[in-house]
Amino acid sequence: MMLWDEKGVYFLTAKGKAFYSQLKEQGFIALSAVKDKKSISLRGKIQNIGSEKLDEIFENNTYMQKIYPDDTRSALEVFRLYEAEGEYFDISDPSRVVREGIVIGQPKPIESGYFVGNQCIGCKLCYSVCPQKCIDISGIPVVIDQNRCLHCGRCAEICPKQTIEKRG
């Protein structure tokens, strides 16, 4: 992921690589990146945009100028991830993780995570086993904060009414 704007996320590869052929054939990619206990994952549709954005990518990623000096960058083509979904995940503060959904373009939204059904009796057992304590137990049914949930499933395992379901 070397550049992004309102139209998508951009990356490049050399035309001679097997990866390039795979991208051209499939038109879809799943990618992930991790840095400083923060991660991003995206999956979706891509399109080859040739050399469009190539100069801008090199301006923003100056290390590329040493890898592909002068006119050797003509071996590269740019791809745009233009319709995708994914998530941002931050575990830099282990007591308060952050998870946020990402949507690029207009893919079908996929509702994922653990959700509490109407059969909840308010026993609070789910809260007692939740490592992030991200379940609001002030009402019935209780509510899981999807932006902090680790998706570990402990809540669903302990629920005496089996009313917590995993989606997505």
C-alpha atoms as a PDB file:
ATOM      1  CA  MET A   1       0.000   0.000   0.000  1.00  0.00           C
ATOM      2  CA  MET A   2       1.947   2.940  -1.280  1.00  0.00           C
ATOM      3  CA  LEU A   3      -0.644   5.644  -1.819  1.00  0.00           C
ATOM      4  CA  TRP A   4      -4.319   6.280  -1.188  1.00  0.00           C
ATOM      5  CA  ASP A   5      -6.982   8.786  -2.099  1.00  0.00           C
ATOM      6  CA  GLU A   6     -10.765   8.957  -2.452  1.00  0.00           C
ATOM      7  CA  LYS A   7     -10.631   6.512  -5.387  1.00  0.00           C
ATOM      8  CA  GLY A   8      -8.787   3.750  -3.561  1.00  0.00           C
ATOM      9  CA  VAL A   9      -5.498   2.305  -2.365  1.00  0.00           C
ATOM     10  CA  TYR A  10      -2.570   1.987  -4.771  1.00  0.00           C
ATOM     11  CA  PHE A  11       0.292  -0.483  -5.011  1.00  0.00           C
ATOM     12  CA  LEU A  12       2.618  -1.570  -7.778  1.00  0.00           C
ATOM     13  CA  THR A  13       4.541  -4.556  -9.035  1.00  0.00           C
ATOM     14  CA  ALA A  14       6.887  -5.421 -11.869  1.00  0.00           C
ATOM     15  CA  LYS A  15       5.312  -6.749 -15.061  1.00  0.00           C
ATOM     16  CA  GLY A  16       7.685  -9.722 -15.118  1.00  0.00           C
ATOM     17  CA  LYS A  17       6.569 -11.150 -11.758  1.00  0.00           C
ATOM     18  CA  ALA A  18       4.196 -14.060 -11.270  1.00  0.00           C
ATOM     19  CA  PHE A  19       2.317 -11.788  -8.839  1.00  0.00           C
ATOM     20  CA  TYR A  20       1.596  -9.394 -11.727  1.00  0.00           C
ATOM     21  CA  SER A  21       0.103 -12.206 -13.820  1.00  0.00           C
ATOM     22  CA  GLN A  22      -1.970 -13.365 -10.862  1.00  0.00           C
ATOM     23  CA  LEU A  23      -3.345  -9.855 -10.300  1.00  0.00           C
ATOM     24  CA  LYS A  24      -4.251  -9.469 -13.966  1.00  0.00           C
ATOM     25  CA  GLU A  25      -5.982 -12.845 -14.023  1.00  0.00           C
ATOM     26  CA  GLN A  26      -7.894 -12.661 -10.735  1.00  0.00           C
ATOM     27  CA  GLY A  27      -8.819  -8.982 -10.379  1.00  0.00           C
ATOM     28  CA  PHE A  28      -9.030  -9.432  -6.602  1.00  0.00           C
ATOM     29  CA  ILE A  29      -6.570  -9.126  -3.708  1.00  0.00           C
ATOM     30  CA  ALA A  30      -6.381  -9.595   0.035  1.00  0.00           C
ATOM     31  CA  LEU A  31      -3.581  -7.716   1.764  1.00  0.00           C
ATOM     32  CA  SER A  32      -2.444  -6.949   5.263  1.00  0.00           C
ATOM     33  CA  ALA A  33       0.124  -4.703   6.884  1.00  0.00           C
ATOM     34  CA  VAL A  34       1.358  -4.431  10.469  1.00  0.00           C
ATOM     35  CA  LYS A  35       3.400  -1.684  12.119  1.00  0.00           C
ATOM     36  CA  ASP A  36       3.812  -0.637  15.744  1.00  0.00           C
ATOM     37  CA  LYS A  37       1.039  -2.964  17.020  1.00  0.00           C
ATOM     38  CA  LYS A  38      -1.410  -1.591  14.471  1.00  0.00           C
ATOM     39  CA  SER A  39      -2.678  -3.566  11.511  1.00  0.00           C
ATOM     40  CA  ILE A  40      -4.811  -3.035   8.475  1.00  0.00           C
ATOM     41  CA  SER A  41      -6.333  -5.691   6.276  1.00  0.00           C
ATOM     42  CA  LEU A  42      -8.237  -5.154   3.052  1.00  0.00           C
ATOM     43  CA  ARG A  43      -9.803  -7.466   0.482  1.00  0.00           C
ATOM     44  CA  GLY A  44     -11.509  -6.487  -2.704  1.00  0.00           C
ATOM     45  CA  LYS A  45     -11.482  -5.691  -6.396  1.00  0.00           C
ATOM     46  CA  ILE A  46      -8.471  -4.252  -8.179  1.00  0.00           C
ATOM     47  CA  GLN A  47      -7.780  -2.710 -11.539  1.00  0.00           C
ATOM     48  CA  ASN A  48      -4.546  -2.181 -13.418  1.00  0.00           C
ATOM     49  CA  ILE A  49      -4.081   1.539 -14.091  1.00  0.00           C
ATOM     50  CA  GLY A  50      -0.722   1.232 -15.855  1.00  0.00           C
ATOM     51  CA  SER A  51       1.652   4.101 -15.142  1.00  0.00           C
ATOM     52  CA  GLU A  52      -1.049   6.413 -13.776  1.00  0.00           C
ATOM     53  CA  LYS A  53      -0.011   7.487 -10.256  1.00  0.00           C
ATOM     54  CA  LEU A  54       3.496   6.025 -10.759  1.00  0.00           C
ATOM     55  CA  ASP A  55       5.268   9.371 -10.406  1.00  0.00           C
ATOM     56  CA  GLU A  56       3.193  10.242  -7.340  1.00  0.00           C
ATOM     57  CA  ILE A  57       4.017   6.880  -5.747  1.00  0.00           C
ATOM     58  CA  PHE A  58       7.735   7.488  -6.313  1.00  0.00           C
ATOM     59  CA  GLU A  59       7.453  10.992  -4.847  1.00  0.00           C
ATOM     60  CA  ASN A  60       5.785   9.642  -1.704  1.00  0.00           C
ATOM     61  CA  ASN A  61       8.004   6.548  -1.377  1.00  0.00           C
ATOM     62  CA  THR A  62      11.456   7.941  -2.123  1.00  0.00           C
ATOM     63  CA  TYR A  63      13.234   4.642  -1.333  1.00  0.00           C
ATOM     64  CA  MET A  64      11.724   3.330  -4.598  1.00  0.00           C
ATOM     65  CA  GLN A  65      13.930   5.758  -6.568  1.00  0.00           C
ATOM     66  CA  LYS A  66      17.014   3.758  -5.513  1.00  0.00           C
ATOM     67  CA  ILE A  67      15.411   0.423  -6.344  1.00  0.00           C
ATOM     68  CA  TYR A  68      14.208   1.561  -9.780  1.00  0.00           C
ATOM     69  CA  PRO A  69      16.499   4.435 -10.870  1.00  0.00           C
ATOM     70  CA  ASP A  70      15.945   6.567 -13.959  1.00  0.00           C
ATOM     71  CA  ASP A  71      13.843   4.905 -16.651  1.00  0.00           C
ATOM     72  CA  THR A  72      13.853   1.408 -15.092  1.00  0.00           C
ATOM     73  CA  ARG A  73      10.523   2.177 -13.441  1.00  0.00           C
ATOM     74  CA  SER A  74       8.921   1.422 -16.791  1.00  0.00           C
ATOM     75  CA  ALA A  75       9.034  -2.225 -15.624  1.00  0.00           C
ATOM     76  CA  LEU A  76       6.302  -1.373 -13.107  1.00  0.00           C
ATOM     77  CA  GLU A  77       2.546  -1.004 -13.294  1.00  0.00           C
ATOM     78  CA  VAL A  78       0.180   0.431 -10.728  1.00  0.00           C
ATOM     79  CA  PHE A  79      -2.918  -1.308  -9.409  1.00  0.00           C
ATOM     80  CA  ARG A  80      -5.809   0.345  -7.587  1.00  0.00           C
ATOM     81  CA  LEU A  81      -7.826  -1.426  -4.910  1.00  0.00           C
ATOM     82  CA  TYR A  82     -11.106   0.344  -5.619  1.00  0.00           C
ATOM     83  CA  GLU A  83     -13.906  -1.678  -4.056  1.00  0.00           C
ATOM     84  CA  ALA A  84     -12.952  -3.325  -0.786  1.00  0.00           C
ATOM     85  CA  GLU A  85     -13.707  -3.938   2.838  1.00  0.00           C
ATOM     86  CA  GLY A  86     -11.491  -4.678   5.774  1.00  0.00           C
ATOM     87  CA  GLU A  87     -10.467  -3.478   9.186  1.00  0.00           C
ATOM     88  CA  TYR A  88      -8.033  -1.415  11.185  1.00  0.00           C
ATOM     89  CA  PHE A  89      -6.895  -3.053  14.420  1.00  0.00           C
ATOM     90  CA  ASP A  90      -4.845  -1.302  17.122  1.00  0.00           C
ATOM     91  CA  ILE A  91      -3.473  -3.280  20.073  1.00  0.00           C
ATOM     92  CA  SER A  92      -0.915  -0.677  21.197  1.00  0.00           C
ATOM     93  CA  ASP A  93      -2.876  -0.294  24.467  1.00  0.00           C
ATOM     94  CA  PRO A  94      -3.683  -3.913  25.418  1.00  0.00           C
ATOM     95  CA  SER A  95      -6.342  -2.854  27.912  1.00  0.00           C
ATOM     96  CA  ARG A  96      -8.270  -0.979  25.239  1.00  0.00           C
ATOM     97  CA  VAL A  97      -7.978  -2.421  21.747  1.00  0.00           C
ATOM     98  CA  VAL A  98      -9.546  -0.583  18.843  1.00  0.00           C
ATOM     99  CA  ARG A  99     -11.146  -2.248  15.811  1.00  0.00           C
ATOM    100  CA  GLU A 100     -12.733  -0.236  13.017  1.00  0.00           C
ATOM    101  CA  GLY A 101     -14.220  -1.336   9.736  1.00  0.00           C
ATOM    102  CA  ILE A 102     -12.944   0.074   6.460  1.00  0.00           C
ATOM    103  CA  VAL A 103     -14.961   0.367   3.262  1.00  0.00           C
ATOM    104  CA  ILE A 104     -13.582   1.552  -0.072  1.00  0.00           C
ATOM    105  CA  GLY A 105     -16.075   2.108  -2.836  1.00  0.00           C
ATOM    106  CA  GLN A 106     -19.353   0.284  -2.416  1.00  0.00           C
ATOM    107  CA  PRO A 107     -18.767  -3.390  -1.626  1.00  0.00           C
ATOM    108  CA  LYS A 108     -21.534  -5.345   0.042  1.00  0.00           C
ATOM    109  CA  PRO A 109     -21.114  -4.646   3.762  1.00  0.00           C
ATOM    110  CA  ILE A 110     -20.450  -7.790   5.761  1.00  0.00           C
ATOM    111  CA  GLU A 111     -21.672  -7.658   9.334  1.00  0.00           C
ATOM    112  CA  SER A 112     -19.154  -9.558  11.420  1.00  0.00           C
ATOM    113  CA  GLY A 113     -18.514 -10.117  15.085  1.00  0.00           C
ATOM    114  CA  TYR A 114     -20.491 -11.423  18.039  1.00  0.00           C
ATOM    115  CA  PHE A 115     -24.040 -10.214  18.604  1.00  0.00           C
ATOM    116  CA  VAL A 116     -26.420 -10.751  21.511  1.00  0.00           C
ATOM    117  CA  GLY A 117     -29.957 -11.916  20.771  1.00  0.00           C
ATOM    118  CA  ASN A 118     -33.225 -11.004  22.483  1.00  0.00           C
ATOM    119  CA  GLN A 119     -33.156 -14.144  24.624  1.00  0.00           C
ATOM    120  CA  CYS A 120     -30.452 -12.537  26.806  1.00  0.00           C
ATOM    121  CA  ILE A 121     -31.340 -12.797  30.513  1.00  0.00           C
ATOM    122  CA  GLY A 122     -28.748 -10.269  31.713  1.00  0.00           C
ATOM    123  CA  CYS A 123     -26.718 -12.800  33.732  1.00  0.00           C
ATOM    124  CA  LYS A 124     -23.450 -10.943  32.959  1.00  0.00           C
ATOM    125  CA  LEU A 125     -21.451 -14.152  32.546  1.00  0.00           C
ATOM    126  CA  CYS A 126     -20.331 -12.912  29.132  1.00  0.00           C
ATOM    127  CA  TYR A 127     -18.861  -9.803  30.719  1.00  0.00           C
ATOM    128  CA  SER A 128     -17.035 -11.868  33.331  1.00  0.00           C
ATOM    129  CA  VAL A 129     -15.055 -13.764  30.656  1.00  0.00           C
ATOM    130  CA  CYS A 130     -14.510 -10.911  28.192  1.00  0.00           C
ATOM    131  CA  PRO A 131     -10.794  -9.959  28.103  1.00  0.00           C
ATOM    132  CA  GLN A 132     -11.602  -6.399  26.972  1.00  0.00           C
ATOM    133  CA  LYS A 133     -14.718  -5.882  29.140  1.00  0.00           C
ATOM    134  CA  CYS A 134     -16.312  -4.434  26.020  1.00  0.00           C
ATOM    135  CA  ILE A 135     -19.832  -5.647  26.808  1.00  0.00           C
ATOM    136  CA  ASP A 136     -22.306  -3.049  28.039  1.00  0.00           C
ATOM    137  CA  ILE A 137     -24.270  -4.811  30.774  1.00  0.00           C
ATOM    138  CA  SER A 138     -26.416  -1.814  31.740  1.00  0.00           C
ATOM    139  CA  GLY A 139     -29.410  -3.090  29.756  1.00  0.00           C
ATOM    140  CA  ILE A 140     -30.973  -6.287  28.512  1.00  0.00           C
ATOM    141  CA  PRO A 141     -30.007  -7.556  26.056  1.00  0.00           C
ATOM    142  CA  VAL A 142     -26.391  -6.665  26.748  1.00  0.00           C
ATOM    143  CA  VAL A 143     -24.503  -5.068  23.860  1.00  0.00           C
ATOM    144  CA  ILE A 144     -21.029  -5.909  22.575  1.00  0.00           C
ATOM    145  CA  ASP A 145     -18.885  -2.955  21.448  1.00  0.00           C
ATOM    146  CA  GLN A 146     -17.770  -4.220  18.025  1.00  0.00           C
ATOM    147  CA  ASN A 147     -14.945  -1.663  17.857  1.00  0.00           C
ATOM    148  CA  ARG A 148     -13.231  -3.177  20.891  1.00  0.00           C
ATOM    149  CA  CYS A 149     -14.190  -6.850  20.610  1.00  0.00           C
ATOM    150  CA  LEU A 150     -11.327  -9.299  19.996  1.00  0.00           C
ATOM    151  CA  HIS A 151     -13.684 -11.884  18.439  1.00  0.00           C
ATOM    152  CA  CYS A 152     -12.362 -14.508  20.852  1.00  0.00           C
ATOM    153  CA  GLY A 153     -15.800 -16.113  21.301  1.00  0.00           C
ATOM    154  CA  ARG A 154     -15.576 -16.598  25.057  1.00  0.00           C
ATOM    155  CA  CYS A 155     -18.893 -14.796  25.541  1.00  0.00           C
ATOM    156  CA  ALA A 156     -20.698 -17.155  23.181  1.00  0.00           C
ATOM    157  CA  GLU A 157     -19.165 -20.201  24.845  1.00  0.00           C
ATOM    158  CA  ILE A 158     -20.366 -19.252  28.339  1.00  0.00           C
ATOM    159  CA  CYS A 159     -23.829 -17.904  27.495  1.00  0.00           C
ATOM    160  CA  PRO A 160     -26.386 -20.153  29.267  1.00  0.00           C
ATOM    161  CA  LYS A 161     -29.095 -19.245  26.730  1.00  0.00           C
ATOM    162  CA  GLN A 162     -26.754 -19.627  23.703  1.00  0.00           C
ATOM    163  CA  THR A 163     -28.084 -16.282  22.465  1.00  0.00           C
ATOM    164  CA  ILE A 164     -24.727 -14.824  21.411  1.00  0.00           C
ATOM    165  CA  GLU A 165     -24.070 -15.538  17.754  1.00  0.00           C
ATOM    166  CA  LYS A 166     -21.045 -15.086  15.547  1.00  0.00           C
ATOM    167  CA  ARG A 167     -21.686 -13.389  12.204  1.00  0.00           C
ATOM    168  CA  GLY A 168     -19.529 -12.908   9.168  1.00  0.00           C
END
